[in-house]
Amino acid sequence: MEKGFNMPCSEDKLTIYSLTHEYGHMIQDNILNKPYDKMLKEYNEMQNKKKNLLALAEKEKDIQKKVKLSNDAWDMDDDLQVLGNKLKKVDNLKEANAIEINNEISKIAKKLLKEEKPELFEDISEEDFDISYLMSNYGRSTPYEFFAEAFANSQCGEPNIIGKAMNIWLKEKGMMKSGD
């Protein structure tokens, strides 16, 4: 593998590094999709309710009940459209949320680095310090790859500051036990 392409990893974990990286994507997807999944469920339930109302209206013999059921079903269109638009906005927020998560991990990493090597911060604030040199080239390519690379580094035997920060972040979010 090209030097700098992946994060530090112990020799005995090299065979599972890529799999661990992909598992990092799965964890991040789970985090980023929670608000989307809830809205999608609500949207699907609303569509099913409309479909059921229209089916009942079709079977109804009484014309007044038939009209009321049909109107109730069609009145749901505005709500469905609003919810559909919200789903699109949530989808657009995923990358922003991925960046925010990476910023949280980077902030923890900077704090750890400042504790280990305070001399690096003599002429620069923790906030302005660029930690990207500790991330693999691939991890710098997108917010999604940053997370996956940080996760793989945290789990594959030789975590650097970013891998250690990832473990702290996972513990803070209740995704990792303190003893792990």
N, C-alpha and C. Protein backbone atom coordinates (compact mmCIF):
# COMPACT_ATOMS: atom_id res chain seq x y z
N MET A 1 0.84 -1.19 0.00
CA MET A 1 0.00 0.00 0.00
C MET A 1 0.88 1.25 0.00
N GLU A 2 0.47 2.27 -0.70
CA GLU A 2 1.22 3.52 -0.82
C GLU A 2 1.44 4.15 0.55
N LYS A 3 2.65 4.63 0.82
CA LYS A 3 2.97 5.26 2.09
C LYS A 3 2.10 6.51 2.28
N GLY A 4 1.51 6.61 3.45
CA GLY A 4 0.65 7.75 3.76
C GLY A 4 -0.79 7.57 3.31
N PHE A 5 -1.05 6.47 2.59
CA PHE A 5 -2.41 6.25 2.09
C PHE A 5 -3.35 5.83 3.21
N ASN A 6 -2.82 5.04 4.16
CA ASN A 6 -3.65 4.65 5.29
C ASN A 6 -2.99 5.05 6.60
N MET A 7 -3.72 4.91 7.69
CA MET A 7 -3.25 5.31 9.00
C MET A 7 -2.33 4.22 9.57
N PRO A 8 -1.56 4.55 10.63
CA PRO A 8 -0.72 3.54 11.26
C PRO A 8 -1.55 2.34 11.72
N CYS A 9 -0.94 1.16 11.59
CA CYS A 9 -1.63 -0.09 11.90
C CYS A 9 -0.59 -1.12 12.29
N SER A 10 -0.89 -1.95 13.27
CA SER A 10 0.08 -2.99 13.64
C SER A 10 0.10 -4.07 12.57
N GLU A 11 1.24 -4.73 12.43
CA GLU A 11 1.42 -5.77 11.41
C GLU A 11 0.33 -6.83 11.47
N ASP A 12 -0.01 -7.26 12.69
CA ASP A 12 -0.99 -8.33 12.83
C ASP A 12 -2.42 -7.90 12.49
N LYS A 13 -2.65 -6.61 12.28
CA LYS A 13 -3.99 -6.11 11.93
C LYS A 13 -4.10 -5.65 10.47
N LEU A 14 -3.00 -5.75 9.73
CA LEU A 14 -3.01 -5.30 8.33
C LEU A 14 -4.09 -5.99 7.49
N THR A 15 -4.31 -7.27 7.75
CA THR A 15 -5.29 -8.02 6.94
C THR A 15 -6.73 -7.58 7.21
N ILE A 16 -6.97 -6.94 8.34
CA ILE A 16 -8.35 -6.50 8.63
C ILE A 16 -8.51 -4.98 8.57
N TYR A 17 -7.45 -4.28 8.19
CA TYR A 17 -7.51 -2.81 8.16
C TYR A 17 -8.63 -2.32 7.26
N SER A 18 -8.71 -2.79 6.03
CA SER A 18 -9.73 -2.32 5.09
C SER A 18 -11.13 -2.63 5.59
N LEU A 19 -11.30 -3.81 6.16
CA LEU A 19 -12.61 -4.20 6.71
C LEU A 19 -12.99 -3.28 7.86
N THR A 20 -12.02 -2.97 8.72
CA THR A 20 -12.27 -2.07 9.85
C THR A 20 -12.61 -0.67 9.34
N HIS A 21 -11.93 -0.23 8.32
CA HIS A 21 -12.22 1.06 7.68
C HIS A 21 -13.68 1.08 7.22
N GLU A 22 -14.11 0.02 6.53
CA GLU A 22 -15.49 -0.05 6.02
C GLU A 22 -16.50 -0.11 7.17
N TYR A 23 -16.13 -0.77 8.26
CA TYR A 23 -16.99 -0.80 9.44
C TYR A 23 -17.14 0.62 10.00
N GLY A 24 -16.08 1.41 9.91
CA GLY A 24 -16.16 2.82 10.32
C GLY A 24 -17.21 3.57 9.51
N HIS A 25 -17.28 3.28 8.20
CA HIS A 25 -18.33 3.89 7.37
C HIS A 25 -19.72 3.48 7.85
N MET A 26 -19.86 2.22 8.22
CA MET A 26 -21.17 1.74 8.69
C MET A 26 -21.58 2.45 9.97
N ILE A 27 -20.64 2.64 10.88
CA ILE A 27 -20.93 3.35 12.13
C ILE A 27 -21.35 4.79 11.83
N GLN A 28 -20.59 5.46 10.97
CA GLN A 28 -20.90 6.84 10.63
C GLN A 28 -22.27 6.93 9.93
N ASP A 29 -22.55 6.02 9.02
CA ASP A 29 -23.85 6.02 8.34
C ASP A 29 -24.98 5.88 9.34
N ASN A 30 -24.78 5.01 10.32
CA ASN A 30 -25.79 4.82 11.35
C ASN A 30 -26.04 6.13 12.11
N ILE A 31 -24.98 6.83 12.45
CA ILE A 31 -25.09 8.11 13.17
C ILE A 31 -25.79 9.15 12.30
N LEU A 32 -25.35 9.29 11.06
CA LEU A 32 -25.86 10.34 10.18
C LEU A 32 -27.28 10.07 9.70
N ASN A 33 -27.70 8.82 9.65
CA ASN A 33 -29.02 8.48 9.11
C ASN A 33 -30.14 8.47 10.15
N LYS A 34 -29.83 8.58 11.44
CA LYS A 34 -30.88 8.50 12.46
C LYS A 34 -32.01 9.51 12.23
N PRO A 35 -31.73 10.80 12.07
CA PRO A 35 -32.85 11.73 11.86
C PRO A 35 -33.58 11.45 10.54
N TYR A 36 -32.84 11.04 9.54
CA TYR A 36 -33.41 10.74 8.23
C TYR A 36 -34.33 9.52 8.32
N ASP A 37 -33.89 8.48 9.02
CA ASP A 37 -34.67 7.25 9.14
C ASP A 37 -36.00 7.51 9.84
N LYS A 38 -35.99 8.35 10.87
CA LYS A 38 -37.22 8.66 11.61
C LYS A 38 -38.22 9.38 10.70
N MET A 39 -37.74 10.37 9.95
CA MET A 39 -38.62 11.11 9.04
C MET A 39 -39.11 10.22 7.90
N LEU A 40 -38.23 9.37 7.40
CA LEU A 40 -38.61 8.47 6.31
C LEU A 40 -39.71 7.52 6.78
N LYS A 41 -39.60 7.04 7.99
CA LYS A 41 -40.63 6.16 8.56
C LYS A 41 -41.96 6.91 8.66
N GLU A 42 -41.91 8.15 9.14
CA GLU A 42 -43.11 8.98 9.25
C GLU A 42 -43.73 9.22 7.86
N TYR A 43 -42.88 9.50 6.88
CA TYR A 43 -43.34 9.75 5.52
C TYR A 43 -44.03 8.50 4.95
N ASN A 44 -43.41 7.35 5.13
CA ASN A 44 -43.99 6.10 4.63
C ASN A 44 -45.30 5.76 5.34
N GLU A 45 -45.37 6.01 6.64
CA GLU A 45 -46.61 5.77 7.39
C GLU A 45 -47.73 6.68 6.88
N MET A 46 -47.37 7.94 6.59
CA MET A 46 -48.36 8.88 6.08
C MET A 46 -48.85 8.45 4.69
N GLN A 47 -47.95 8.00 3.85
CA GLN A 47 -48.34 7.53 2.52
C GLN A 47 -49.26 6.30 2.62
N ASN A 48 -48.94 5.40 3.53
CA ASN A 48 -49.78 4.22 3.73
C ASN A 48 -51.16 4.59 4.25
N LYS A 49 -51.20 5.56 5.14
CA LYS A 49 -52.49 6.02 5.69
C LYS A 49 -53.34 6.59 4.55
N LYS A 50 -52.73 7.40 3.69
CA LYS A 50 -53.45 7.98 2.56
C LYS A 50 -53.97 6.87 1.64
N LYS A 51 -53.12 5.92 1.34
CA LYS A 51 -53.51 4.79 0.48
C LYS A 51 -54.68 4.01 1.09
N ASN A 52 -54.62 3.78 2.40
CA ASN A 52 -55.70 3.06 3.09
C ASN A 52 -57.01 3.84 3.07
N LEU A 53 -56.92 5.16 3.26
CA LEU A 53 -58.12 5.99 3.21
C LEU A 53 -58.76 5.93 1.82
N LEU A 54 -57.93 6.00 0.79
CA LEU A 54 -58.46 5.92 -0.57
C LEU A 54 -59.07 4.55 -0.86
N ALA A 55 -58.47 3.49 -0.32
CA ALA A 55 -59.02 2.14 -0.50
C ALA A 55 -60.37 2.03 0.21
N LEU A 56 -60.47 2.59 1.41
CA LEU A 56 -61.75 2.58 2.14
C LEU A 56 -62.81 3.39 1.39
N ALA A 57 -62.40 4.53 0.86
CA ALA A 57 -63.33 5.38 0.12
C ALA A 57 -63.87 4.64 -1.10
N GLU A 58 -63.00 3.90 -1.76
CA GLU A 58 -63.42 3.16 -2.95
C GLU A 58 -64.46 2.09 -2.62
N LYS A 59 -64.34 1.48 -1.45
CA LYS A 59 -65.27 0.41 -1.04
C LYS A 59 -66.56 0.96 -0.42
N GLU A 60 -66.51 2.18 0.06
CA GLU A 60 -67.65 2.77 0.78
C GLU A 60 -68.85 2.95 -0.15
N LYS A 61 -70.02 2.56 0.34
CA LYS A 61 -71.26 2.68 -0.43
C LYS A 61 -71.91 4.05 -0.21
N ASP A 62 -71.84 4.53 1.04
CA ASP A 62 -72.45 5.83 1.38
C ASP A 62 -71.63 6.95 0.73
N ILE A 63 -72.29 7.75 -0.11
CA ILE A 63 -71.58 8.78 -0.90
C ILE A 63 -70.94 9.85 -0.01
N GLN A 64 -71.64 10.24 1.07
CA GLN A 64 -71.06 11.27 1.96
C GLN A 64 -69.79 10.76 2.65
N LYS A 65 -69.82 9.53 3.12
CA LYS A 65 -68.64 8.94 3.76
C LYS A 65 -67.52 8.77 2.73
N LYS A 66 -67.90 8.38 1.53
CA LYS A 66 -66.93 8.19 0.45
C LYS A 66 -66.19 9.50 0.15
N VAL A 67 -66.95 10.59 0.05
CA VAL A 67 -66.36 11.92 -0.23
C VAL A 67 -65.46 12.36 0.92
N LYS A 68 -65.92 12.15 2.18
CA LYS A 68 -65.12 12.56 3.34
C LYS A 68 -63.80 11.78 3.38
N LEU A 69 -63.85 10.47 3.18
CA LEU A 69 -62.63 9.66 3.19
C LEU A 69 -61.67 10.11 2.08
N SER A 70 -62.21 10.37 0.90
CA SER A 70 -61.38 10.83 -0.23
C SER A 70 -60.75 12.18 0.07
N ASN A 71 -61.54 13.10 0.62
CA ASN A 71 -61.01 14.43 0.96
C ASN A 71 -59.93 14.34 2.03
N ASP A 72 -60.16 13.49 3.05
CA ASP A 72 -59.16 13.31 4.11
C ASP A 72 -57.84 12.80 3.52
N ALA A 73 -57.97 11.87 2.58
CA ALA A 73 -56.77 11.32 1.94
C ALA A 73 -56.04 12.39 1.14
N TRP A 74 -56.76 13.15 0.34
CA TRP A 74 -56.11 14.16 -0.51
C TRP A 74 -55.60 15.34 0.30
N ASP A 75 -56.20 15.59 1.48
CA ASP A 75 -55.71 16.66 2.36
C ASP A 75 -54.31 16.36 2.89
N MET A 76 -53.90 15.12 2.84
CA MET A 76 -52.58 14.72 3.33
C MET A 76 -51.46 15.10 2.35
N ASP A 77 -51.82 15.47 1.13
CA ASP A 77 -50.80 15.79 0.13
C ASP A 77 -49.86 16.90 0.55
N ASP A 78 -50.41 17.96 1.14
CA ASP A 78 -49.56 19.08 1.58
C ASP A 78 -48.56 18.61 2.64
N ASP A 79 -49.05 17.82 3.61
CA ASP A 79 -48.16 17.32 4.65
C ASP A 79 -47.09 16.40 4.07
N LEU A 80 -47.49 15.59 3.12
CA LEU A 80 -46.52 14.70 2.47
C LEU A 80 -45.46 15.50 1.73
N GLN A 81 -45.86 16.56 1.07
CA GLN A 81 -44.90 17.38 0.33
C GLN A 81 -43.94 18.08 1.29
N VAL A 82 -44.46 18.61 2.40
CA VAL A 82 -43.61 19.27 3.39
C VAL A 82 -42.60 18.29 3.96
N LEU A 83 -43.07 17.11 4.31
CA LEU A 83 -42.18 16.10 4.87
C LEU A 83 -41.16 15.63 3.83
N GLY A 84 -41.58 15.49 2.58
CA GLY A 84 -40.65 15.13 1.51
C GLY A 84 -39.55 16.16 1.35
N ASN A 85 -39.91 17.44 1.44
CA ASN A 85 -38.90 18.52 1.36
C ASN A 85 -37.95 18.48 2.55
N LYS A 86 -38.48 18.17 3.73
CA LYS A 86 -37.62 18.05 4.91
C LYS A 86 -36.63 16.91 4.74
N LEU A 87 -37.10 15.81 4.16
CA LEU A 87 -36.21 14.67 3.92
C LEU A 87 -35.05 15.08 3.01
N LYS A 88 -35.34 15.87 2.00
CA LYS A 88 -34.28 16.34 1.09
C LYS A 88 -33.27 17.21 1.84
N LYS A 89 -33.78 18.09 2.72
CA LYS A 89 -32.89 18.97 3.49
C LYS A 89 -32.02 18.17 4.45
N VAL A 90 -32.60 17.17 5.11
CA VAL A 90 -31.83 16.33 6.03
C VAL A 90 -30.72 15.62 5.27
N ASP A 91 -31.03 15.15 4.09
CA ASP A 91 -30.02 14.47 3.28
C ASP A 91 -28.86 15.42 2.98
N ASN A 92 -29.17 16.68 2.71
CA ASN A 92 -28.13 17.68 2.44
C ASN A 92 -27.32 18.01 3.68
N LEU A 93 -27.91 17.81 4.86
CA LEU A 93 -27.20 18.12 6.10
C LEU A 93 -26.22 17.02 6.52
N LYS A 94 -26.30 15.86 5.89
CA LYS A 94 -25.44 14.75 6.29
C LYS A 94 -23.96 15.12 6.21
N GLU A 95 -23.55 15.75 5.12
CA GLU A 95 -22.13 16.10 4.99
C GLU A 95 -21.73 17.13 6.02
N ALA A 96 -22.60 18.10 6.28
CA ALA A 96 -22.30 19.10 7.30
C ALA A 96 -22.16 18.44 8.67
N ASN A 97 -23.02 17.47 8.96
CA ASN A 97 -22.93 16.75 10.23
C ASN A 97 -21.66 15.89 10.29
N ALA A 98 -21.28 15.31 9.15
CA ALA A 98 -20.04 14.52 9.10
C ALA A 98 -18.84 15.42 9.40
N ILE A 99 -18.85 16.61 8.85
CA ILE A 99 -17.76 17.57 9.10
C ILE A 99 -17.74 17.96 10.58
N GLU A 100 -18.90 18.18 11.15
CA GLU A 100 -18.99 18.55 12.57
C GLU A 100 -18.42 17.44 13.46
N ILE A 101 -18.76 16.20 13.15
CA ILE A 101 -18.22 15.06 13.92
C ILE A 101 -16.69 15.04 13.81
N ASN A 102 -16.17 15.23 12.61
CA ASN A 102 -14.72 15.24 12.41
C ASN A 102 -14.07 16.38 13.19
N ASN A 103 -14.74 17.53 13.24
CA ASN A 103 -14.23 18.66 14.01
C ASN A 103 -14.17 18.32 15.50
N GLU A 104 -15.18 17.59 15.99
CA GLU A 104 -15.17 17.17 17.39
C GLU A 104 -14.00 16.25 17.67
N ILE A 105 -13.77 15.30 16.78
CA ILE A 105 -12.65 14.36 16.94
C ILE A 105 -11.32 15.11 16.86
N SER A 106 -11.21 16.04 15.92
CA SER A 106 -9.98 16.83 15.76
C SER A 106 -9.71 17.68 17.00
N LYS A 107 -10.76 18.23 17.58
CA LYS A 107 -10.60 19.05 18.78
C LYS A 107 -10.04 18.21 19.93
N ILE A 108 -10.56 17.00 20.09
CA ILE A 108 -10.04 16.09 21.11
C ILE A 108 -8.58 15.76 20.81
N ALA A 109 -8.27 15.50 19.53
CA ALA A 109 -6.90 15.17 19.13
C ALA A 109 -5.95 16.32 19.44
N LYS A 110 -6.37 17.53 19.17
CA LYS A 110 -5.52 18.69 19.46
C LYS A 110 -5.24 18.81 20.95
N LYS A 111 -6.26 18.56 21.75
CA LYS A 111 -6.10 18.62 23.21
C LYS A 111 -5.09 17.57 23.67
N LEU A 112 -5.23 16.35 23.14
CA LEU A 112 -4.28 15.28 23.49
C LEU A 112 -2.86 15.63 23.05
N LEU A 113 -2.74 16.17 21.84
CA LEU A 113 -1.43 16.52 21.32
C LEU A 113 -0.80 17.64 22.15
N LYS A 114 -1.61 18.59 22.56
CA LYS A 114 -1.10 19.70 23.38
C LYS A 114 -0.59 19.18 24.72
N GLU A 115 -1.27 18.16 25.26
CA GLU A 115 -0.81 17.56 26.52
C GLU A 115 0.50 16.80 26.32
N GLU A 116 0.62 16.10 25.19
CA GLU A 116 1.82 15.31 24.91
C GLU A 116 3.00 16.16 24.45
N LYS A 117 2.72 17.15 23.60
CA LYS A 117 3.79 17.98 23.02
C LYS A 117 3.42 19.46 23.09
N PRO A 118 3.46 20.04 24.29
CA PRO A 118 3.06 21.45 24.44
C PRO A 118 3.90 22.42 23.62
N GLU A 119 5.13 22.02 23.30
CA GLU A 119 6.01 22.91 22.52
C GLU A 119 5.45 23.22 21.13
N LEU A 120 4.61 22.33 20.59
CA LEU A 120 4.00 22.57 19.27
C LEU A 120 3.02 23.76 19.30
N PHE A 121 2.57 24.10 20.49
CA PHE A 121 1.53 25.12 20.63
C PHE A 121 2.07 26.43 21.22
N GLU A 122 3.38 26.58 21.24
CA GLU A 122 3.97 27.79 21.82
C GLU A 122 3.57 29.04 21.05
N ASP A 123 3.53 28.95 19.72
CA ASP A 123 3.26 30.14 18.90
C ASP A 123 1.91 30.08 18.18
N ILE A 124 1.07 29.13 18.56
CA ILE A 124 -0.21 28.98 17.85
C ILE A 124 -1.27 28.45 18.83
N SER A 125 -2.48 28.90 18.63
CA SER A 125 -3.55 28.44 19.51
C SER A 125 -3.97 27.02 19.13
N GLU A 126 -4.58 26.34 20.08
CA GLU A 126 -5.09 24.99 19.83
C GLU A 126 -6.08 25.01 18.67
N GLU A 127 -6.92 26.03 18.63
CA GLU A 127 -7.94 26.15 17.59
C GLU A 127 -7.34 26.30 16.20
N ASP A 128 -6.24 27.04 16.09
CA ASP A 128 -5.61 27.30 14.79
C ASP A 128 -4.64 26.21 14.36
N PHE A 129 -4.30 25.31 15.25
CA PHE A 129 -3.33 24.27 14.93
C PHE A 129 -3.93 23.30 13.91
N ASP A 130 -3.18 23.04 12.84
CA ASP A 130 -3.64 22.13 11.78
C ASP A 130 -3.18 20.71 12.08
N ILE A 131 -4.14 19.86 12.35
CA ILE A 131 -3.84 18.48 12.74
C ILE A 131 -3.89 17.52 11.56
N SER A 132 -4.20 18.03 10.39
CA SER A 132 -4.42 17.16 9.22
C SER A 132 -3.18 16.34 8.86
N TYR A 133 -1.99 16.79 9.24
CA TYR A 133 -0.78 16.03 8.90
C TYR A 133 -0.77 14.66 9.59
N LEU A 134 -1.59 14.49 10.62
CA LEU A 134 -1.67 13.21 11.32
C LEU A 134 -2.68 12.25 10.69
N MET A 135 -3.41 12.74 9.70
CA MET A 135 -4.41 11.92 9.01
C MET A 135 -3.81 11.41 7.71
N SER A 136 -4.25 10.23 7.31
CA SER A 136 -3.76 9.67 6.04
C SER A 136 -4.22 10.53 4.87
N ASN A 137 -3.55 10.36 3.74
CA ASN A 137 -3.96 11.09 2.53
C ASN A 137 -5.41 10.77 2.17
N TYR A 138 -5.76 9.52 2.26
CA TYR A 138 -7.13 9.10 1.93
C TYR A 138 -8.13 9.71 2.91
N GLY A 139 -7.78 9.76 4.17
CA GLY A 139 -8.66 10.33 5.19
C GLY A 139 -8.88 11.82 5.02
N ARG A 140 -7.98 12.48 4.33
CA ARG A 140 -8.15 13.92 4.07
C ARG A 140 -9.02 14.19 2.85
N SER A 141 -9.39 13.14 2.12
CA SER A 141 -10.12 13.35 0.86
C SER A 141 -11.59 13.75 1.04
N THR A 142 -12.27 13.22 2.04
CA THR A 142 -13.68 13.58 2.31
C THR A 142 -13.95 13.44 3.81
N PRO A 143 -15.02 14.05 4.30
CA PRO A 143 -15.36 13.90 5.72
C PRO A 143 -15.70 12.45 6.07
N TYR A 144 -16.19 11.72 5.11
CA TYR A 144 -16.55 10.32 5.35
C TYR A 144 -15.30 9.46 5.48
N GLU A 145 -14.30 9.73 4.66
CA GLU A 145 -13.05 8.97 4.73
C GLU A 145 -12.26 9.31 5.99
N PHE A 146 -12.36 10.57 6.43
CA PHE A 146 -11.70 10.96 7.68
C PHE A 146 -12.20 10.07 8.82
N PHE A 147 -13.52 9.96 8.94
CA PHE A 147 -14.11 9.18 10.03
C PHE A 147 -13.67 7.71 9.93
N ALA A 148 -13.78 7.13 8.74
CA ALA A 148 -13.45 5.72 8.56
C ALA A 148 -11.97 5.45 8.84
N GLU A 149 -11.10 6.34 8.41
CA GLU A 149 -9.67 6.18 8.65
C GLU A 149 -9.35 6.35 10.14
N ALA A 150 -9.98 7.32 10.78
CA ALA A 150 -9.77 7.52 12.22
C ALA A 150 -10.24 6.29 12.99
N PHE A 151 -11.37 5.73 12.58
CA PHE A 151 -11.89 4.53 13.24
C PHE A 151 -10.94 3.35 13.04
N ALA A 152 -10.51 3.13 11.82
CA ALA A 152 -9.60 2.02 11.55
C ALA A 152 -8.32 2.18 12.38
N ASN A 153 -7.80 3.38 12.44
CA ASN A 153 -6.59 3.65 13.23
C ASN A 153 -6.84 3.36 14.71
N SER A 154 -8.01 3.71 15.19
CA SER A 154 -8.31 3.51 16.61
C SER A 154 -8.42 2.04 16.99
N GLN A 155 -8.73 1.19 16.01
CA GLN A 155 -9.00 -0.21 16.29
C GLN A 155 -7.89 -1.17 15.86
N CYS A 156 -6.95 -0.70 15.10
CA CYS A 156 -5.98 -1.63 14.49
C CYS A 156 -4.59 -1.59 15.10
N GLY A 157 -4.52 -1.44 16.40
CA GLY A 157 -3.28 -1.72 17.10
C GLY A 157 -2.26 -0.64 17.33
N GLU A 158 -2.20 0.39 16.51
CA GLU A 158 -1.21 1.45 16.70
C GLU A 158 -1.85 2.83 16.54
N PRO A 159 -2.82 3.17 17.39
CA PRO A 159 -3.50 4.46 17.19
C PRO A 159 -2.56 5.65 17.43
N ASN A 160 -2.61 6.59 16.50
CA ASN A 160 -1.91 7.85 16.72
C ASN A 160 -2.87 8.76 17.50
N ILE A 161 -2.58 10.04 17.56
CA ILE A 161 -3.41 10.97 18.32
C ILE A 161 -4.85 10.98 17.80
N ILE A 162 -5.04 10.91 16.50
CA ILE A 162 -6.40 10.92 15.95
C ILE A 162 -7.15 9.63 16.32
N GLY A 163 -6.46 8.50 16.27
CA GLY A 163 -7.09 7.24 16.68
C GLY A 163 -7.47 7.26 18.16
N LYS A 164 -6.59 7.81 18.98
CA LYS A 164 -6.89 7.93 20.42
C LYS A 164 -8.09 8.86 20.63
N ALA A 165 -8.11 9.95 19.86
CA ALA A 165 -9.23 10.90 19.96
C ALA A 165 -10.54 10.23 19.53
N MET A 166 -10.46 9.40 18.50
CA MET A 166 -11.66 8.67 18.05
C MET A 166 -12.19 7.79 19.18
N ASN A 167 -11.31 7.08 19.88
CA ASN A 167 -11.76 6.23 20.99
C ASN A 167 -12.42 7.05 22.08
N ILE A 168 -11.86 8.20 22.39
CA ILE A 168 -12.47 9.08 23.40
C ILE A 168 -13.84 9.54 22.91
N TRP A 169 -13.92 9.95 21.65
CA TRP A 169 -15.19 10.41 21.08
C TRP A 169 -16.24 9.29 21.14
N LEU A 170 -15.86 8.08 20.76
CA LEU A 170 -16.78 6.94 20.79
C LEU A 170 -17.28 6.69 22.22
N LYS A 171 -16.40 6.81 23.20
CA LYS A 171 -16.79 6.63 24.61
C LYS A 171 -17.74 7.73 25.04
N GLU A 172 -17.43 8.98 24.66
CA GLU A 172 -18.30 10.10 25.02
C GLU A 172 -19.70 9.94 24.44
N LYS A 173 -19.79 9.34 23.27
CA LYS A 173 -21.08 9.15 22.60
C LYS A 173 -21.77 7.85 23.03
N GLY A 174 -21.15 7.11 23.95
CA GLY A 174 -21.74 5.87 24.44
C GLY A 174 -21.66 4.72 23.45
N MET A 175 -20.72 4.79 22.52
CA MET A 175 -20.58 3.74 21.50
C MET A 175 -19.44 2.79 21.80
N MET A 176 -18.78 3.02 22.92
CA MET A 176 -17.64 2.18 23.28
C MET A 176 -17.57 2.15 24.80
N LYS A 177 -17.36 1.00 25.36
CA LYS A 177 -17.24 0.88 26.82
C LYS A 177 -15.92 1.47 27.27
N SER A 178 -15.89 1.97 28.48
CA SER A 178 -14.68 2.59 29.01
C SER A 178 -13.49 1.65 29.05
N GLY A 179 -13.71 0.36 29.25
CA GLY A 179 -12.60 -0.60 29.31
C GLY A 179 -12.06 -1.00 27.96
N ASP A 180 -12.73 -0.64 26.87
CA ASP A 180 -12.31 -1.05 25.52
C ASP A 180 -11.18 -0.19 25.00
